[in-house]
Amino acid sequence: MKLMGEALMFENIPLLKASGLMAKHASLRQRVISENIANSDTPNYAPRDIPKFGDVVRSQAFSNFGETRREGHFDFAELNKSYEAVESKDFEVKPNGNSVSIEIEVTKSIEVERQHSQALAIYQHSIDLLKSSIGRGR
């Protein structure tokens, strides 16, 4: 049973917002990696990537995340804008002009899976903490 204000309450907790954005970032990055793998034989295809979540957060000056207490300290909308895929130029180019490395893409995919798992763990532990604080336990 979901109360009317319950969803709104969870949307206003910065840690839950951050874990949601972290999971969304992992999902978007996995999609870009999948596109790279799907185009690994396409002539003149250059792999793309999304900056790592930690780099995006640091670039938005969120390094003091745990120290803030007031709403409005974080511009989550601005953090959402940072999910643009950019062309990667760090790879060896094959004779057909393609520069996708399957090994590198698989390694990035594993990294993304770990990020997604971490986001879900943060979210779940936050919910468990909230339940404990109101006496409902796990």
C-alpha atoms as a PDB file:
ATOM      1  CA  MET A   1       0.000   0.000   0.000  1.00  0.00           C
ATOM      2  CA  LYS A   2       1.508   3.299  -1.099  1.00  0.00           C
ATOM      3  CA  LEU A   3       0.534   6.518   0.596  1.00  0.00           C
ATOM      4  CA  MET A   4       0.045   9.624  -1.532  1.00  0.00           C
ATOM      5  CA  GLY A   5       2.951  11.546   0.000  1.00  0.00           C
ATOM      6  CA  GLU A   6       5.299   8.555   0.176  1.00  0.00           C
ATOM      7  CA  ALA A   7       6.729   8.920  -3.343  1.00  0.00           C
ATOM      8  CA  LEU A   8       7.181  12.657  -2.867  1.00  0.00           C
ATOM      9  CA  MET A   9       8.971  12.081   0.446  1.00  0.00           C
ATOM     10  CA  PHE A  10      11.515   9.727  -1.143  1.00  0.00           C
ATOM     11  CA  GLU A  11      12.118  12.135  -4.028  1.00  0.00           C
ATOM     12  CA  ASN A  12      13.146  14.846  -1.570  1.00  0.00           C
ATOM     13  CA  ILE A  13      15.907  12.841   0.141  1.00  0.00           C
ATOM     14  CA  PRO A  14      19.234  13.798  -1.481  1.00  0.00           C
ATOM     15  CA  LEU A  15      20.874  10.399  -0.927  1.00  0.00           C
ATOM     16  CA  LEU A  16      17.976   8.622  -2.637  1.00  0.00           C
ATOM     17  CA  LYS A  17      18.080  11.134  -5.497  1.00  0.00           C
ATOM     18  CA  ALA A  18      21.808  10.564  -5.889  1.00  0.00           C
ATOM     19  CA  SER A  19      21.474   6.771  -5.897  1.00  0.00           C
ATOM     20  CA  GLY A  20      18.697   7.046  -8.494  1.00  0.00           C
ATOM     21  CA  LEU A  21      20.876   9.247 -10.677  1.00  0.00           C
ATOM     22  CA  MET A  22      23.750   6.814 -10.236  1.00  0.00           C
ATOM     23  CA  ALA A  23      21.553   3.921 -11.444  1.00  0.00           C
ATOM     24  CA  LYS A  24      20.258   6.024 -14.353  1.00  0.00           C
ATOM     25  CA  HIS A  25      23.828   6.924 -15.302  1.00  0.00           C
ATOM     26  CA  ALA A  26      24.831   3.236 -15.241  1.00  0.00           C
ATOM     27  CA  SER A  27      21.881   2.364 -17.468  1.00  0.00           C
ATOM     28  CA  LEU A  28      22.691   5.072 -20.001  1.00  0.00           C
ATOM     29  CA  ARG A  29      26.383   4.198 -20.049  1.00  0.00           C
ATOM     30  CA  GLN A  30      25.547   0.510 -20.558  1.00  0.00           C
ATOM     31  CA  ARG A  31      23.390   1.468 -23.552  1.00  0.00           C
ATOM     32  CA  VAL A  32      26.286   3.407 -25.126  1.00  0.00           C
ATOM     33  CA  ILE A  33      28.668   0.490 -24.499  1.00  0.00           C
ATOM     34  CA  SER A  34      26.163  -1.906 -26.086  1.00  0.00           C
ATOM     35  CA  GLU A  35      25.948   0.332 -29.152  1.00  0.00           C
ATOM     36  CA  ASN A  36      29.748   0.307 -29.393  1.00  0.00           C
ATOM     37  CA  ILE A  37      29.829  -3.498 -29.288  1.00  0.00           C
ATOM     38  CA  ALA A  38      27.008  -3.749 -31.826  1.00  0.00           C
ATOM     39  CA  ASN A  39      29.004  -1.522 -34.183  1.00  0.00           C
ATOM     40  CA  SER A  40      32.347  -3.240 -33.647  1.00  0.00           C
ATOM     41  CA  ASP A  41      32.507  -4.213 -37.352  1.00  0.00           C
ATOM     42  CA  THR A  42      30.971  -1.051 -38.791  1.00  0.00           C
ATOM     43  CA  PRO A  43      33.468   0.796 -41.026  1.00  0.00           C
ATOM     44  CA  ASN A  44      34.648   4.180 -39.710  1.00  0.00           C
ATOM     45  CA  TYR A  45      32.779   3.779 -36.416  1.00  0.00           C
ATOM     46  CA  ALA A  46      34.385   5.468 -33.412  1.00  0.00           C
ATOM     47  CA  PRO A  47      33.359   4.247 -29.955  1.00  0.00           C
ATOM     48  CA  ARG A  48      31.516   6.634 -27.671  1.00  0.00           C
ATOM     49  CA  ASP A  49      31.334   6.814 -23.907  1.00  0.00           C
ATOM     50  CA  ILE A  50      29.709   8.750 -21.100  1.00  0.00           C
ATOM     51  CA  PRO A  51      31.988  10.201 -18.428  1.00  0.00           C
ATOM     52  CA  LYS A  52      32.164   8.117 -15.245  1.00  0.00           C
ATOM     53  CA  PHE A  53      29.611   9.045 -12.597  1.00  0.00           C
ATOM     54  CA  GLY A  54      32.304  10.046 -10.105  1.00  0.00           C
ATOM     55  CA  ASP A  55      33.878  12.389 -12.657  1.00  0.00           C
ATOM     56  CA  VAL A  56      30.494  13.960 -13.394  1.00  0.00           C
ATOM     57  CA  VAL A  57      29.805  14.474  -9.699  1.00  0.00           C
ATOM     58  CA  ARG A  58      33.243  15.963  -9.051  1.00  0.00           C
ATOM     59  CA  SER A  59      32.913  18.271 -12.054  1.00  0.00           C
ATOM     60  CA  GLN A  60      29.633  19.577 -10.621  1.00  0.00           C
ATOM     61  CA  ALA A  61      31.386  20.384  -7.305  1.00  0.00           C
ATOM     62  CA  PHE A  62      29.419  17.867  -5.252  1.00  0.00           C
ATOM     63  CA  SER A  63      32.453  16.686  -3.291  1.00  0.00           C
ATOM     64  CA  ASN A  64      30.895  17.864  -0.004  1.00  0.00           C
ATOM     65  CA  PHE A  65      27.782  15.719  -0.547  1.00  0.00           C
ATOM     66  CA  GLY A  66      27.669  14.261   2.966  1.00  0.00           C
ATOM     67  CA  GLU A  67      28.197  17.625   4.635  1.00  0.00           C
ATOM     68  CA  THR A  68      25.129  19.475   3.389  1.00  0.00           C
ATOM     69  CA  ARG A  69      21.899  19.615   5.268  1.00  0.00           C
ATOM     70  CA  ARG A  70      19.621  21.925   3.311  1.00  0.00           C
ATOM     71  CA  GLU A  71      17.539  21.407   0.165  1.00  0.00           C
ATOM     72  CA  GLY A  72      18.810  23.334  -2.822  1.00  0.00           C
ATOM     73  CA  HIS A  73      22.519  22.670  -2.286  1.00  0.00           C
ATOM     74  CA  PHE A  74      22.600  20.262  -5.192  1.00  0.00           C
ATOM     75  CA  ASP A  75      21.418  21.019  -8.684  1.00  0.00           C
ATOM     76  CA  PHE A  76      20.293  17.545  -9.691  1.00  0.00           C
ATOM     77  CA  ALA A  77      18.903  18.888 -12.973  1.00  0.00           C
ATOM     78  CA  GLU A  78      22.399  20.122 -13.830  1.00  0.00           C
ATOM     79  CA  LEU A  79      23.816  16.697 -12.982  1.00  0.00           C
ATOM     80  CA  ASN A  80      21.279  15.117 -15.374  1.00  0.00           C
ATOM     81  CA  LYS A  81      22.594  17.264 -18.246  1.00  0.00           C
ATOM     82  CA  SER A  82      26.046  15.689 -17.935  1.00  0.00           C
ATOM     83  CA  TYR A  83      24.993  12.402 -19.544  1.00  0.00           C
ATOM     84  CA  GLU A  84      26.055  13.142 -23.103  1.00  0.00           C
ATOM     85  CA  ALA A  85      28.022  10.477 -24.950  1.00  0.00           C
ATOM     86  CA  VAL A  86      31.264  11.703 -26.430  1.00  0.00           C
ATOM     87  CA  GLU A  87      33.501  10.054 -29.000  1.00  0.00           C
ATOM     88  CA  SER A  88      36.451   8.131 -27.567  1.00  0.00           C
ATOM     89  CA  LYS A  89      39.763   8.558 -29.350  1.00  0.00           C
ATOM     90  CA  ASP A  90      42.008   6.392 -27.200  1.00  0.00           C
ATOM     91  CA  PHE A  91      41.857   3.229 -29.297  1.00  0.00           C
ATOM     92  CA  GLU A  92      43.777   1.711 -32.162  1.00  0.00           C
ATOM     93  CA  VAL A  93      42.067   2.187 -35.530  1.00  0.00           C
ATOM     94  CA  LYS A  94      41.532  -0.943 -37.659  1.00  0.00           C
ATOM     95  CA  PRO A  95      42.089  -0.904 -41.447  1.00  0.00           C
ATOM     96  CA  ASN A  96      38.320  -0.366 -42.005  1.00  0.00           C
ATOM     97  CA  GLY A  97      38.448   2.790 -39.835  1.00  0.00           C
ATOM     98  CA  ASN A  98      36.693   1.182 -36.855  1.00  0.00           C
ATOM     99  CA  SER A  99      38.278   1.735 -33.458  1.00  0.00           C
ATOM    100  CA  VAL A 100      36.044  -0.329 -31.142  1.00  0.00           C
ATOM    101  CA  SER A 101      37.923  -2.687 -28.814  1.00  0.00           C
ATOM    102  CA  ILE A 102      35.630  -5.460 -27.583  1.00  0.00           C
ATOM    103  CA  GLU A 103      37.921  -6.130 -24.617  1.00  0.00           C
ATOM    104  CA  ILE A 104      37.784  -2.527 -23.458  1.00  0.00           C
ATOM    105  CA  GLU A 105      34.010  -2.359 -23.935  1.00  0.00           C
ATOM    106  CA  VAL A 106      33.487  -5.545 -21.894  1.00  0.00           C
ATOM    107  CA  THR A 107      35.711  -4.137 -19.139  1.00  0.00           C
ATOM    108  CA  LYS A 108      33.642  -0.930 -19.103  1.00  0.00           C
ATOM    109  CA  SER A 109      30.470  -3.033 -19.024  1.00  0.00           C
ATOM    110  CA  ILE A 110      31.673  -4.820 -15.878  1.00  0.00           C
ATOM    111  CA  GLU A 111      32.486  -1.454 -14.302  1.00  0.00           C
ATOM    112  CA  VAL A 112      28.965  -0.233 -15.107  1.00  0.00           C
ATOM    113  CA  GLU A 113      27.389  -3.367 -13.607  1.00  0.00           C
ATOM    114  CA  ARG A 114      29.284  -2.708 -10.372  1.00  0.00           C
ATOM    115  CA  GLN A 115      28.108   0.912 -10.362  1.00  0.00           C
ATOM    116  CA  HIS A 116      24.503  -0.170 -10.822  1.00  0.00           C
ATOM    117  CA  SER A 117      24.796  -2.724  -8.020  1.00  0.00           C
ATOM    118  CA  GLN A 118      26.313  -0.070  -5.762  1.00  0.00           C
ATOM    119  CA  ALA A 119      23.466   2.353  -6.530  1.00  0.00           C
ATOM    120  CA  LEU A 120      20.886  -0.311  -5.666  1.00  0.00           C
ATOM    121  CA  ALA A 121      22.719  -1.201  -2.439  1.00  0.00           C
ATOM    122  CA  ILE A 122      22.818   2.462  -1.379  1.00  0.00           C
ATOM    123  CA  TYR A 123      19.117   2.814  -2.116  1.00  0.00           C
ATOM    124  CA  GLN A 124      18.187  -0.387  -0.270  1.00  0.00           C
ATOM    125  CA  HIS A 125      20.266   0.476   2.801  1.00  0.00           C
ATOM    126  CA  SER A 126      18.742   3.959   2.872  1.00  0.00           C
ATOM    127  CA  ILE A 127      15.226   2.491   2.777  1.00  0.00           C
ATOM    128  CA  ASP A 128      16.160   0.004   5.533  1.00  0.00           C
ATOM    129  CA  LEU A 129      17.472   2.888   7.648  1.00  0.00           C
ATOM    130  CA  LEU A 130      14.277   4.873   7.126  1.00  0.00           C
ATOM    131  CA  LYS A 131      12.152   1.857   8.060  1.00  0.00           C
ATOM    132  CA  SER A 132      14.214   1.270  11.191  1.00  0.00           C
ATOM    133  CA  SER A 133      13.872   4.904  12.197  1.00  0.00           C
ATOM    134  CA  ILE A 134      10.081   4.660  12.185  1.00  0.00           C
ATOM    135  CA  GLY A 135      10.080   1.285  13.931  1.00  0.00           C
ATOM    136  CA  ARG A 136       9.171  -0.988  11.024  1.00  0.00           C
ATOM    137  CA  GLY A 137      12.520  -2.758  10.802  1.00  0.00           C
ATOM    138  CA  ARG A 138      13.378  -4.647   7.632  1.00  0.00           C
END
